[in-house]
Amino acid sequence: MLGAPTALPDGVELSAYRIVQEALTNARRHAAATQVIVTLTFHGAGLDVEIEDDGAVPADAHGAGGPGHGLVGMRERVALLGGELQLVRGPAGGFRVAARLPVGGDR
């Protein structure tokens, strides 16, 4: 955790929780990750959530054509708050989920 933790609007807290939960589920189910790092960064404008794993990502596990709706749900939650989401495969494997959740975007 980075920055000074501050109270967050309920929608931001719930979205952060669900994003971390989904990313950890994906790392376990699809990537066979041996390590996952979760970083929360508090700043004046809101909360940054980053989850990075070292797994071997199968080609269809995290793509739009993969099973489940987890990544779609992440996108929808972040968009509802007016935030930003990045979903990135690492060049040597692994997967990174990074969300910027603004405090003022709780609707």
PDB file of N, CA and C in Angstrom:
ATOM      1  N   MET A   1       0.853  -1.163   0.000  1.00  0.00           N
ATOM      2  CA  MET A   1       0.000   0.000   0.000  1.00  0.00           C
ATOM      3  C   MET A   1       0.897   1.223   0.000  1.00  0.00           C
ATOM      4  N   LEU A   2       0.548   2.158  -0.854  1.00  0.00           N
ATOM      5  CA  LEU A   2       1.300   3.395  -0.961  1.00  0.00           C
ATOM      6  C   LEU A   2       0.380   4.568  -0.683  1.00  0.00           C
ATOM      7  N   GLY A   3       0.941   5.652  -0.179  1.00  0.00           N
ATOM      8  CA  GLY A   3       0.138   6.820   0.149  1.00  0.00           C
ATOM      9  C   GLY A   3      -0.576   6.618   1.476  1.00  0.00           C
ATOM     10  N   ALA A   4      -1.208   7.659   1.940  1.00  0.00           N
ATOM     11  CA  ALA A   4      -1.942   7.599   3.203  1.00  0.00           C
ATOM     12  C   ALA A   4      -3.363   7.114   2.935  1.00  0.00           C
ATOM     13  N   PRO A   5      -3.736   5.968   3.516  1.00  0.00           N
ATOM     14  CA  PRO A   5      -5.098   5.470   3.308  1.00  0.00           C
ATOM     15  C   PRO A   5      -6.136   6.495   3.769  1.00  0.00           C
ATOM     16  N   THR A   6      -7.150   6.678   2.958  1.00  0.00           N
ATOM     17  CA  THR A   6      -8.224   7.611   3.278  1.00  0.00           C
ATOM     18  C   THR A   6      -9.557   6.923   3.041  1.00  0.00           C
ATOM     19  N   ALA A   7     -10.589   7.465   3.641  1.00  0.00           N
ATOM     20  CA  ALA A   7     -11.930   6.928   3.417  1.00  0.00           C
ATOM     21  C   ALA A   7     -12.307   7.145   1.960  1.00  0.00           C
ATOM     22  N   LEU A   8     -12.899   6.133   1.378  1.00  0.00           N
ATOM     23  CA  LEU A   8     -13.305   6.186  -0.027  1.00  0.00           C
ATOM     24  C   LEU A   8     -14.814   6.041  -0.129  1.00  0.00           C
ATOM     25  N   PRO A   9     -15.416   6.592  -1.166  1.00  0.00           N
ATOM     26  CA  PRO A   9     -16.844   6.359  -1.384  1.00  0.00           C
ATOM     27  C   PRO A   9     -17.119   4.859  -1.531  1.00  0.00           C
ATOM     28  N   ASP A  10     -18.298   4.439  -1.117  1.00  0.00           N
ATOM     29  CA  ASP A  10     -18.649   3.014  -1.157  1.00  0.00           C
ATOM     30  C   ASP A  10     -18.453   2.394  -2.534  1.00  0.00           C
ATOM     31  N   GLY A  11     -18.821   3.111  -3.595  1.00  0.00           N
ATOM     32  CA  GLY A  11     -18.686   2.574  -4.947  1.00  0.00           C
ATOM     33  C   GLY A  11     -17.237   2.327  -5.335  1.00  0.00           C
ATOM     34  N   VAL A  12     -16.345   3.190  -4.893  1.00  0.00           N
ATOM     35  CA  VAL A  12     -14.919   3.024  -5.175  1.00  0.00           C
ATOM     36  C   VAL A  12     -14.374   1.830  -4.393  1.00  0.00           C
ATOM     37  N   GLU A  13     -14.736   1.732  -3.116  1.00  0.00           N
ATOM     38  CA  GLU A  13     -14.276   0.598  -2.300  1.00  0.00           C
ATOM     39  C   GLU A  13     -14.735  -0.727  -2.895  1.00  0.00           C
ATOM     40  N   LEU A  14     -16.016  -0.812  -3.241  1.00  0.00           N
ATOM     41  CA  LEU A  14     -16.554  -2.047  -3.790  1.00  0.00           C
ATOM     42  C   LEU A  14     -15.904  -2.391  -5.125  1.00  0.00           C
ATOM     43  N   SER A  15     -15.717  -1.405  -5.970  1.00  0.00           N
ATOM     44  CA  SER A  15     -15.086  -1.651  -7.266  1.00  0.00           C
ATOM     45  C   SER A  15     -13.654  -2.133  -7.101  1.00  0.00           C
ATOM     46  N   ALA A  16     -12.903  -1.517  -6.200  1.00  0.00           N
ATOM     47  CA  ALA A  16     -11.519  -1.945  -5.955  1.00  0.00           C
ATOM     48  C   ALA A  16     -11.495  -3.395  -5.472  1.00  0.00           C
ATOM     49  N   TYR A  17     -12.363  -3.718  -4.541  1.00  0.00           N
ATOM     50  CA  TYR A  17     -12.444  -5.082  -4.010  1.00  0.00           C
ATOM     51  C   TYR A  17     -12.736  -6.081  -5.125  1.00  0.00           C
ATOM     52  N   ARG A  18     -13.740  -5.789  -5.948  1.00  0.00           N
ATOM     53  CA  ARG A  18     -14.133  -6.722  -6.997  1.00  0.00           C
ATOM     54  C   ARG A  18     -13.062  -6.863  -8.081  1.00  0.00           C
ATOM     55  N   ILE A  19     -12.357  -5.773  -8.388  1.00  0.00           N
ATOM     56  CA  ILE A  19     -11.269  -5.841  -9.370  1.00  0.00           C
ATOM     57  C   ILE A  19     -10.154  -6.739  -8.857  1.00  0.00           C
ATOM     58  N   VAL A  20      -9.762  -6.551  -7.600  1.00  0.00           N
ATOM     59  CA  VAL A  20      -8.714  -7.401  -7.012  1.00  0.00           C
ATOM     60  C   VAL A  20      -9.189  -8.852  -6.975  1.00  0.00           C
ATOM     61  N   GLN A  21     -10.413  -9.073  -6.550  1.00  0.00           N
ATOM     62  CA  GLN A  21     -10.958 -10.428  -6.473  1.00  0.00           C
ATOM     63  C   GLN A  21     -10.926 -11.116  -7.842  1.00  0.00           C
ATOM     64  N   GLU A  22     -11.362 -10.436  -8.865  1.00  0.00           N
ATOM     65  CA  GLU A  22     -11.394 -11.022 -10.210  1.00  0.00           C
ATOM     66  C   GLU A  22      -9.986 -11.284 -10.741  1.00  0.00           C
ATOM     67  N   ALA A  23      -9.071 -10.343 -10.529  1.00  0.00           N
ATOM     68  CA  ALA A  23      -7.690 -10.523 -10.994  1.00  0.00           C
ATOM     69  C   ALA A  23      -7.021 -11.709 -10.299  1.00  0.00           C
ATOM     70  N   LEU A  24      -7.254 -11.859  -8.999  1.00  0.00           N
ATOM     71  CA  LEU A  24      -6.684 -13.003  -8.271  1.00  0.00           C
ATOM     72  C   LEU A  24      -7.297 -14.313  -8.754  1.00  0.00           C
ATOM     73  N   THR A  25      -8.587 -14.308  -9.022  1.00  0.00           N
ATOM     74  CA  THR A  25      -9.257 -15.494  -9.547  1.00  0.00           C
ATOM     75  C   THR A  25      -8.667 -15.874 -10.901  1.00  0.00           C
ATOM     76  N   ASN A  26      -8.479 -14.886 -11.774  1.00  0.00           N
ATOM     77  CA  ASN A  26      -7.900 -15.162 -13.090  1.00  0.00           C
ATOM     78  C   ASN A  26      -6.482 -15.701 -12.978  1.00  0.00           C
ATOM     79  N   ALA A  27      -5.678 -15.130 -12.076  1.00  0.00           N
ATOM     80  CA  ALA A  27      -4.298 -15.598 -11.906  1.00  0.00           C
ATOM     81  C   ALA A  27      -4.274 -17.056 -11.454  1.00  0.00           C
ATOM     82  N   ARG A  28      -5.213 -17.416 -10.615  1.00  0.00           N
ATOM     83  CA  ARG A  28      -5.269 -18.790 -10.107  1.00  0.00           C
ATOM     84  C   ARG A  28      -5.834 -19.758 -11.141  1.00  0.00           C
ATOM     85  N   ARG A  29      -6.936 -19.405 -11.742  1.00  0.00           N
ATOM     86  CA  ARG A  29      -7.631 -20.314 -12.661  1.00  0.00           C
ATOM     87  C   ARG A  29      -6.978 -20.455 -14.020  1.00  0.00           C
ATOM     88  N   HIS A  30      -6.504 -19.342 -14.555  1.00  0.00           N
ATOM     89  CA  HIS A  30      -6.077 -19.347 -15.955  1.00  0.00           C
ATOM     90  C   HIS A  30      -4.574 -19.265 -16.158  1.00  0.00           C
ATOM     91  N   ALA A  31      -3.850 -18.687 -15.226  1.00  0.00           N
ATOM     92  CA  ALA A  31      -2.445 -18.394 -15.480  1.00  0.00           C
ATOM     93  C   ALA A  31      -1.471 -19.281 -14.724  1.00  0.00           C
ATOM     94  N   ALA A  32      -1.943 -20.059 -13.767  1.00  0.00           N
ATOM     95  CA  ALA A  32      -1.056 -20.870 -12.932  1.00  0.00           C
ATOM     96  C   ALA A  32       0.083 -20.023 -12.365  1.00  0.00           C
ATOM     97  N   ALA A  33      -0.262 -18.835 -11.902  1.00  0.00           N
ATOM     98  CA  ALA A  33       0.739 -17.914 -11.365  1.00  0.00           C
ATOM     99  C   ALA A  33       1.323 -18.452 -10.063  1.00  0.00           C
ATOM    100  N   THR A  34       2.601 -18.207  -9.859  1.00  0.00           N
ATOM    101  CA  THR A  34       3.248 -18.567  -8.600  1.00  0.00           C
ATOM    102  C   THR A  34       3.376 -17.363  -7.683  1.00  0.00           C
ATOM    103  N   GLN A  35       3.218 -16.174  -8.252  1.00  0.00           N
ATOM    104  CA  GLN A  35       3.308 -14.950  -7.467  1.00  0.00           C
ATOM    105  C   GLN A  35       2.346 -13.919  -8.044  1.00  0.00           C
ATOM    106  N   VAL A  36       1.653 -13.227  -7.141  1.00  0.00           N
ATOM    107  CA  VAL A  36       0.776 -12.129  -7.524  1.00  0.00           C
ATOM    108  C   VAL A  36       1.058 -10.971  -6.579  1.00  0.00           C
ATOM    109  N   ILE A  37       1.242  -9.803  -7.140  1.00  0.00           N
ATOM    110  CA  ILE A  37       1.489  -8.609  -6.333  1.00  0.00           C
ATOM    111  C   ILE A  37       0.309  -7.668  -6.508  1.00  0.00           C
ATOM    112  N   VAL A  38      -0.284  -7.277  -5.378  1.00  0.00           N
ATOM    113  CA  VAL A  38      -1.399  -6.333  -5.375  1.00  0.00           C
ATOM    114  C   VAL A  38      -0.898  -5.052  -4.722  1.00  0.00           C
ATOM    115  N   THR A  39      -1.053  -3.936  -5.423  1.00  0.00           N
ATOM    116  CA  THR A  39      -0.628  -2.638  -4.900  1.00  0.00           C
ATOM    117  C   THR A  39      -1.796  -1.675  -4.939  1.00  0.00           C
ATOM    118  N   LEU A  40      -2.059  -1.044  -3.809  1.00  0.00           N
ATOM    119  CA  LEU A  40      -3.067   0.006  -3.711  1.00  0.00           C
ATOM    120  C   LEU A  40      -2.328   1.308  -3.461  1.00  0.00           C
ATOM    121  N   THR A  41      -2.607   2.309  -4.264  1.00  0.00           N
ATOM    122  CA  THR A  41      -1.970   3.615  -4.096  1.00  0.00           C
ATOM    123  C   THR A  41      -3.051   4.661  -3.889  1.00  0.00           C
ATOM    124  N   PHE A  42      -3.048   5.255  -2.701  1.00  0.00           N
ATOM    125  CA  PHE A  42      -3.992   6.314  -2.370  1.00  0.00           C
ATOM    126  C   PHE A  42      -3.383   7.650  -2.766  1.00  0.00           C
ATOM    127  N   HIS A  43      -4.170   8.496  -3.413  1.00  0.00           N
ATOM    128  CA  HIS A  43      -3.711   9.840  -3.752  1.00  0.00           C
ATOM    129  C   HIS A  43      -4.919  10.766  -3.721  1.00  0.00           C
ATOM    130  N   GLY A  44      -4.680  12.038  -3.806  1.00  0.00           N
ATOM    131  CA  GLY A  44      -5.748  13.022  -3.675  1.00  0.00           C
ATOM    132  C   GLY A  44      -6.909  12.824  -4.633  1.00  0.00           C
ATOM    133  N   ALA A  45      -6.642  12.331  -5.828  1.00  0.00           N
ATOM    134  CA  ALA A  45      -7.684  12.181  -6.837  1.00  0.00           C
ATOM    135  C   ALA A  45      -8.434  10.855  -6.714  1.00  0.00           C
ATOM    136  N   GLY A  46      -7.939   9.925  -5.896  1.00  0.00           N
ATOM    137  CA  GLY A  46      -8.623   8.648  -5.772  1.00  0.00           C
ATOM    138  C   GLY A  46      -7.706   7.518  -5.375  1.00  0.00           C
ATOM    139  N   LEU A  47      -7.909   6.383  -6.024  1.00  0.00           N
ATOM    140  CA  LEU A  47      -7.199   5.155  -5.693  1.00  0.00           C
ATOM    141  C   LEU A  47      -6.726   4.481  -6.974  1.00  0.00           C
ATOM    142  N   ASP A  48      -5.466   4.067  -6.978  1.00  0.00           N
ATOM    143  CA  ASP A  48      -4.939   3.246  -8.067  1.00  0.00           C
ATOM    144  C   ASP A  48      -4.819   1.819  -7.541  1.00  0.00           C
ATOM    145  N   VAL A  49      -5.290   0.859  -8.323  1.00  0.00           N
ATOM    146  CA  VAL A  49      -5.252  -0.555  -7.974  1.00  0.00           C
ATOM    147  C   VAL A  49      -4.453  -1.262  -9.051  1.00  0.00           C
ATOM    148  N   GLU A  50      -3.425  -2.002  -8.646  1.00  0.00           N
ATOM    149  CA  GLU A  50      -2.616  -2.737  -9.622  1.00  0.00           C
ATOM    150  C   GLU A  50      -2.430  -4.162  -9.136  1.00  0.00           C
ATOM    151  N   ILE A  51      -2.680  -5.104 -10.038  1.00  0.00           N
ATOM    152  CA  ILE A  51      -2.488  -6.518  -9.744  1.00  0.00           C
ATOM    153  C   ILE A  51      -1.635  -7.082 -10.863  1.00  0.00           C
ATOM    154  N   GLU A  52      -0.522  -7.682 -10.484  1.00  0.00           N
ATOM    155  CA  GLU A  52       0.402  -8.223 -11.493  1.00  0.00           C
ATOM    156  C   GLU A  52       0.776  -9.640 -11.106  1.00  0.00           C
ATOM    157  N   ASP A  53       0.652 -10.583 -12.075  1.00  0.00           N
ATOM    158  CA  ASP A  53       1.029 -11.961 -11.793  1.00  0.00           C
ATOM    159  C   ASP A  53       2.146 -12.401 -12.726  1.00  0.00           C
ATOM    160  N   ASP A  54       2.756 -13.532 -12.381  1.00  0.00           N
ATOM    161  CA  ASP A  54       3.863 -14.054 -13.178  1.00  0.00           C
ATOM    162  C   ASP A  54       3.465 -15.306 -13.948  1.00  0.00           C
ATOM    163  N   GLY A  55       2.183 -15.514 -14.124  1.00  0.00           N
ATOM    164  CA  GLY A  55       1.704 -16.733 -14.762  1.00  0.00           C
ATOM    165  C   GLY A  55       1.944 -16.791 -16.249  1.00  0.00           C
ATOM    166  N   ALA A  56       1.770 -17.988 -16.773  1.00  0.00           N
ATOM    167  CA  ALA A  56       1.831 -18.208 -18.216  1.00  0.00           C
ATOM    168  C   ALA A  56       0.407 -18.066 -18.729  1.00  0.00           C
ATOM    169  N   VAL A  57       0.133 -16.994 -19.414  1.00  0.00           N
ATOM    170  CA  VAL A  57      -1.238 -16.694 -19.833  1.00  0.00           C
ATOM    171  C   VAL A  57      -1.561 -17.418 -21.133  1.00  0.00           C
ATOM    172  N   PRO A  58      -2.531 -18.347 -21.099  1.00  0.00           N
ATOM    173  CA  PRO A  58      -2.968 -18.967 -22.356  1.00  0.00           C
ATOM    174  C   PRO A  58      -3.568 -17.901 -23.273  1.00  0.00           C
ATOM    175  N   ALA A  59      -3.460 -18.087 -24.564  1.00  0.00           N
ATOM    176  CA  ALA A  59      -3.891 -17.078 -25.536  1.00  0.00           C
ATOM    177  C   ALA A  59      -5.338 -16.643 -25.345  1.00  0.00           C
ATOM    178  N   ASP A  60      -6.220 -17.556 -24.948  1.00  0.00           N
ATOM    179  CA  ASP A  60      -7.632 -17.189 -24.835  1.00  0.00           C
ATOM    180  C   ASP A  60      -8.091 -16.886 -23.413  1.00  0.00           C
ATOM    181  N   ALA A  61      -7.217 -16.957 -22.428  1.00  0.00           N
ATOM    182  CA  ALA A  61      -7.651 -16.831 -21.038  1.00  0.00           C
ATOM    183  C   ALA A  61      -8.119 -15.435 -20.673  1.00  0.00           C
ATOM    184  N   HIS A  62      -7.453 -14.423 -21.181  1.00  0.00           N
ATOM    185  CA  HIS A  62      -7.795 -13.060 -20.781  1.00  0.00           C
ATOM    186  C   HIS A  62      -8.326 -12.234 -21.947  1.00  0.00           C
ATOM    187  N   GLY A  63      -8.495 -12.818 -23.072  1.00  0.00           N
ATOM    188  CA  GLY A  63      -8.959 -12.056 -24.230  1.00  0.00           C
ATOM    189  C   GLY A  63     -10.465 -11.917 -24.245  1.00  0.00           C
ATOM    190  N   ALA A  64     -10.938 -11.130 -25.172  1.00  0.00           N
ATOM    191  CA  ALA A  64     -12.372 -10.879 -25.274  1.00  0.00           C
ATOM    192  C   ALA A  64     -13.139 -12.157 -25.579  1.00  0.00           C
ATOM    193  N   GLY A  65     -12.489 -13.121 -26.235  1.00  0.00           N
ATOM    194  CA  GLY A  65     -13.180 -14.349 -26.578  1.00  0.00           C
ATOM    195  C   GLY A  65     -13.091 -15.420 -25.522  1.00  0.00           C
ATOM    196  N   GLY A  66     -12.426 -15.141 -24.390  1.00  0.00           N
ATOM    197  CA  GLY A  66     -12.271 -16.133 -23.337  1.00  0.00           C
ATOM    198  C   GLY A  66     -13.563 -16.341 -22.570  1.00  0.00           C
ATOM    199  N   PRO A  67     -13.617 -17.414 -21.772  1.00  0.00           N
ATOM    200  CA  PRO A  67     -14.821 -17.692 -21.005  1.00  0.00           C
ATOM    201  C   PRO A  67     -15.007 -16.697 -19.866  1.00  0.00           C
ATOM    202  N   GLY A  68     -16.232 -16.544 -19.434  1.00  0.00           N
ATOM    203  CA  GLY A  68     -16.517 -15.699 -18.281  1.00  0.00           C
ATOM    204  C   GLY A  68     -16.682 -14.240 -18.653  1.00  0.00           C
ATOM    205  N   HIS A  69     -17.023 -13.455 -17.650  1.00  0.00           N
ATOM    206  CA  HIS A  69     -17.315 -12.039 -17.863  1.00  0.00           C
ATOM    207  C   HIS A  69     -16.511 -11.147 -16.932  1.00  0.00           C
ATOM    208  N   GLY A  70     -15.450 -11.674 -16.346  1.00  0.00           N
ATOM    209  CA  GLY A  70     -14.681 -10.926 -15.353  1.00  0.00           C
ATOM    210  C   GLY A  70     -14.054  -9.651 -15.873  1.00  0.00           C
ATOM    211  N   LEU A  71     -13.421  -9.713 -17.025  1.00  0.00           N
ATOM    212  CA  LEU A  71     -12.775  -8.514 -17.567  1.00  0.00           C
ATOM    213  C   LEU A  71     -13.803  -7.501 -18.020  1.00  0.00           C
ATOM    214  N   VAL A  72     -14.907  -7.978 -18.554  1.00  0.00           N
ATOM    215  CA  VAL A  72     -15.990  -7.076 -18.949  1.00  0.00           C
ATOM    216  C   VAL A  72     -16.527  -6.366 -17.711  1.00  0.00           C
ATOM    217  N   GLY A  73     -16.714  -7.116 -16.635  1.00  0.00           N
ATOM    218  CA  GLY A  73     -17.184  -6.533 -15.384  1.00  0.00           C
ATOM    219  C   GLY A  73     -16.236  -5.482 -14.842  1.00  0.00           C
ATOM    220  N   MET A  74     -14.927  -5.753 -14.941  1.00  0.00           N
ATOM    221  CA  MET A  74     -13.935  -4.760 -14.503  1.00  0.00           C
ATOM    222  C   MET A  74     -14.086  -3.481 -15.315  1.00  0.00           C
ATOM    223  N   ARG A  75     -14.166  -3.627 -16.625  1.00  0.00           N
ATOM    224  CA  ARG A  75     -14.303  -2.455 -17.501  1.00  0.00           C
ATOM    225  C   ARG A  75     -15.554  -1.644 -17.147  1.00  0.00           C
ATOM    226  N   GLU A  76     -16.658  -2.347 -16.926  1.00  0.00           N
ATOM    227  CA  GLU A  76     -17.914  -1.663 -16.614  1.00  0.00           C
ATOM    228  C   GLU A  76     -17.835  -0.923 -15.278  1.00  0.00           C
ATOM    229  N   ARG A  77     -17.261  -1.546 -14.267  1.00  0.00           N
ATOM    230  CA  ARG A  77     -17.136  -0.907 -12.950  1.00  0.00           C
ATOM    231  C   ARG A  77     -16.293   0.364 -13.039  1.00  0.00           C
ATOM    232  N   VAL A  78     -15.163   0.251 -13.717  1.00  0.00           N
ATOM    233  CA  VAL A  78     -14.259   1.398 -13.834  1.00  0.00           C
ATOM    234  C   VAL A  78     -14.920   2.504 -14.651  1.00  0.00           C
ATOM    235  N   ALA A  79     -15.580   2.154 -15.730  1.00  0.00           N
ATOM    236  CA  ALA A  79     -16.250   3.158 -16.566  1.00  0.00           C
ATOM    237  C   ALA A  79     -17.358   3.875 -15.805  1.00  0.00           C
ATOM    238  N   LEU A  80     -18.091   3.146 -14.993  1.00  0.00           N
ATOM    239  CA  LEU A  80     -19.171   3.746 -14.207  1.00  0.00           C
ATOM    240  C   LEU A  80     -18.655   4.841 -13.276  1.00  0.00           C
ATOM    241  N   LEU A  81     -17.429   4.658 -12.795  1.00  0.00           N
ATOM    242  CA  LEU A  81     -16.825   5.629 -11.881  1.00  0.00           C
ATOM    243  C   LEU A  81     -16.067   6.731 -12.623  1.00  0.00           C
ATOM    244  N   GLY A  82     -15.984   6.628 -13.947  1.00  0.00           N
ATOM    245  CA  GLY A  82     -15.224   7.604 -14.717  1.00  0.00           C
ATOM    246  C   GLY A  82     -13.726   7.390 -14.615  1.00  0.00           C
ATOM    247  N   GLY A  83     -13.323   6.148 -14.370  1.00  0.00           N
ATOM    248  CA  GLY A  83     -11.904   5.826 -14.198  1.00  0.00           C
ATOM    249  C   GLY A  83     -11.267   5.280 -15.458  1.00  0.00           C
ATOM    250  N   GLU A  84     -10.092   4.711 -15.275  1.00  0.00           N
ATOM    251  CA  GLU A  84      -9.309   4.140 -16.382  1.00  0.00           C
ATOM    252  C   GLU A  84      -8.900   2.725 -16.019  1.00  0.00           C
ATOM    253  N   LEU A  85      -8.841   1.841 -17.017  1.00  0.00           N
ATOM    254  CA  LEU A  85      -8.430   0.456 -16.802  1.00  0.00           C
ATOM    255  C   LEU A  85      -7.449   0.044 -17.883  1.00  0.00           C
ATOM    256  N   GLN A  86      -6.379  -0.616 -17.469  1.00  0.00           N
ATOM    257  CA  GLN A  86      -5.411  -1.202 -18.402  1.00  0.00           C
ATOM    258  C   GLN A  86      -5.318  -2.693 -18.110  1.00  0.00           C
ATOM    259  N   LEU A  87      -5.354  -3.493 -19.160  1.00  0.00           N
ATOM    260  CA  LEU A  87      -5.187  -4.936 -19.079  1.00  0.00           C
ATOM    261  C   LEU A  87      -4.047  -5.282 -20.020  1.00  0.00           C
ATOM    262  N   VAL A  88      -2.929  -5.759 -19.478  1.00  0.00           N
ATOM    263  CA  VAL A  88      -1.725  -5.923 -20.286  1.00  0.00           C
ATOM    264  C   VAL A  88      -1.077  -7.280 -20.024  1.00  0.00           C
ATOM    265  N   ARG A  89      -0.783  -8.000 -21.092  1.00  0.00           N
ATOM    266  CA  ARG A  89       0.041  -9.219 -20.993  1.00  0.00           C
ATOM    267  C   ARG A  89       1.498  -8.807 -20.975  1.00  0.00           C
ATOM    268  N   GLY A  90       2.272  -9.439 -20.118  1.00  0.00           N
ATOM    269  CA  GLY A  90       3.703  -9.163 -20.073  1.00  0.00           C
ATOM    270  C   GLY A  90       4.416  -9.833 -21.232  1.00  0.00           C
ATOM    271  N   PRO A  91       5.510  -9.264 -21.711  1.00  0.00           N
ATOM    272  CA  PRO A  91       6.238  -9.846 -22.841  1.00  0.00           C
ATOM    273  C   PRO A  91       6.803 -11.232 -22.537  1.00  0.00           C
ATOM    274  N   ALA A  92       7.100 -11.497 -21.269  1.00  0.00           N
ATOM    275  CA  ALA A  92       7.650 -12.796 -20.885  1.00  0.00           C
ATOM    276  C   ALA A  92       6.622 -13.623 -20.120  1.00  0.00           C
ATOM    277  N   GLY A  93       5.349 -13.299 -20.281  1.00  0.00           N
ATOM    278  CA  GLY A  93       4.297 -13.977 -19.521  1.00  0.00           C
ATOM    279  C   GLY A  93       3.758 -13.058 -18.451  1.00  0.00           C
ATOM    280  N   GLY A  94       2.818 -13.553 -17.731  1.00  0.00           N
ATOM    281  CA  GLY A  94       2.209 -12.744 -16.687  1.00  0.00           C
ATOM    282  C   GLY A  94       1.162 -11.806 -17.239  1.00  0.00           C
ATOM    283  N   PHE A  95       0.437 -11.192 -16.324  1.00  0.00           N
ATOM    284  CA  PHE A  95      -0.660 -10.317 -16.701  1.00  0.00           C
ATOM    285  C   PHE A  95      -0.749  -9.201 -15.682  1.00  0.00           C
ATOM    286  N   ARG A  96      -1.092  -8.005 -16.142  1.00  0.00           N
ATOM    287  CA  ARG A  96      -1.187  -6.829 -15.275  1.00  0.00           C
ATOM    288  C   ARG A  96      -2.545  -6.168 -15.461  1.00  0.00           C
ATOM    289  N   VAL A  97      -3.207  -5.936 -14.338  1.00  0.00           N
ATOM    290  CA  VAL A  97      -4.464  -5.198 -14.310  1.00  0.00           C
ATOM    291  C   VAL A  97      -4.178  -3.919 -13.534  1.00  0.00           C
ATOM    292  N   ALA A  98      -4.474  -2.775 -14.130  1.00  0.00           N
ATOM    293  CA  ALA A  98      -4.255  -1.495 -13.456  1.00  0.00           C
ATOM    294  C   ALA A  98      -5.502  -0.640 -13.620  1.00  0.00           C
ATOM    295  N   ALA A  99      -6.067  -0.217 -12.491  1.00  0.00           N
ATOM    296  CA  ALA A  99      -7.265   0.613 -12.515  1.00  0.00           C
ATOM    297  C   ALA A  99      -7.007   1.897 -11.747  1.00  0.00           C
ATOM    298  N   ARG A 100      -7.460   2.990 -12.308  1.00  0.00           N
ATOM    299  CA  ARG A 100      -7.431   4.293 -11.623  1.00  0.00           C
ATOM    300  C   ARG A 100      -8.879   4.656 -11.325  1.00  0.00           C
ATOM    301  N   LEU A 101      -9.211   4.716 -10.046  1.00  0.00           N
ATOM    302  CA  LEU A 101     -10.586   4.964  -9.614  1.00  0.00           C
ATOM    303  C   LEU A 101     -10.643   6.347  -8.952  1.00  0.00           C
ATOM    304  N   PRO A 102     -11.299   7.306  -9.606  1.00  0.00           N
ATOM    305  CA  PRO A 102     -11.373   8.648  -9.048  1.00  0.00           C
ATOM    306  C   PRO A 102     -12.362   8.714  -7.897  1.00  0.00           C
ATOM    307  N   VAL A 103     -12.054   9.509  -6.887  1.00  0.00           N
ATOM    308  CA  VAL A 103     -12.940   9.672  -5.740  1.00  0.00           C
ATOM    309  C   VAL A 103     -14.212  10.383  -6.138  1.00  0.00           C
ATOM    310  N   GLY A 104     -14.117  11.391  -6.973  1.00  0.00           N
ATOM    311  CA  GLY A 104     -15.284  12.177  -7.355  1.00  0.00           C
ATOM    312  C   GLY A 104     -16.218  11.482  -8.307  1.00  0.00           C
ATOM    313  N   GLY A 105     -15.860  10.272  -8.792  1.00  0.00           N
ATOM    314  CA  GLY A 105     -16.669   9.600  -9.796  1.00  0.00           C
ATOM    315  C   GLY A 105     -17.715   8.675  -9.237  1.00  0.00           C
ATOM    316  N   ASP A 106     -17.883   8.591  -7.918  1.00  0.00           N
ATOM    317  CA  ASP A 106     -18.860   7.675  -7.328  1.00  0.00           C
ATOM    318  C   ASP A 106     -20.273   8.161  -7.646  1.00  0.00           C
ATOM    319  N   ARG A 107     -20.994   7.376  -8.414  1.00  0.00           N
ATOM    320  CA  ARG A 107     -22.334   7.791  -8.854  1.00  0.00           C
ATOM    321  C   ARG A 107     -23.368   6.855  -8.327  1.00  0.00           C
TER     322      ARG A 107
END
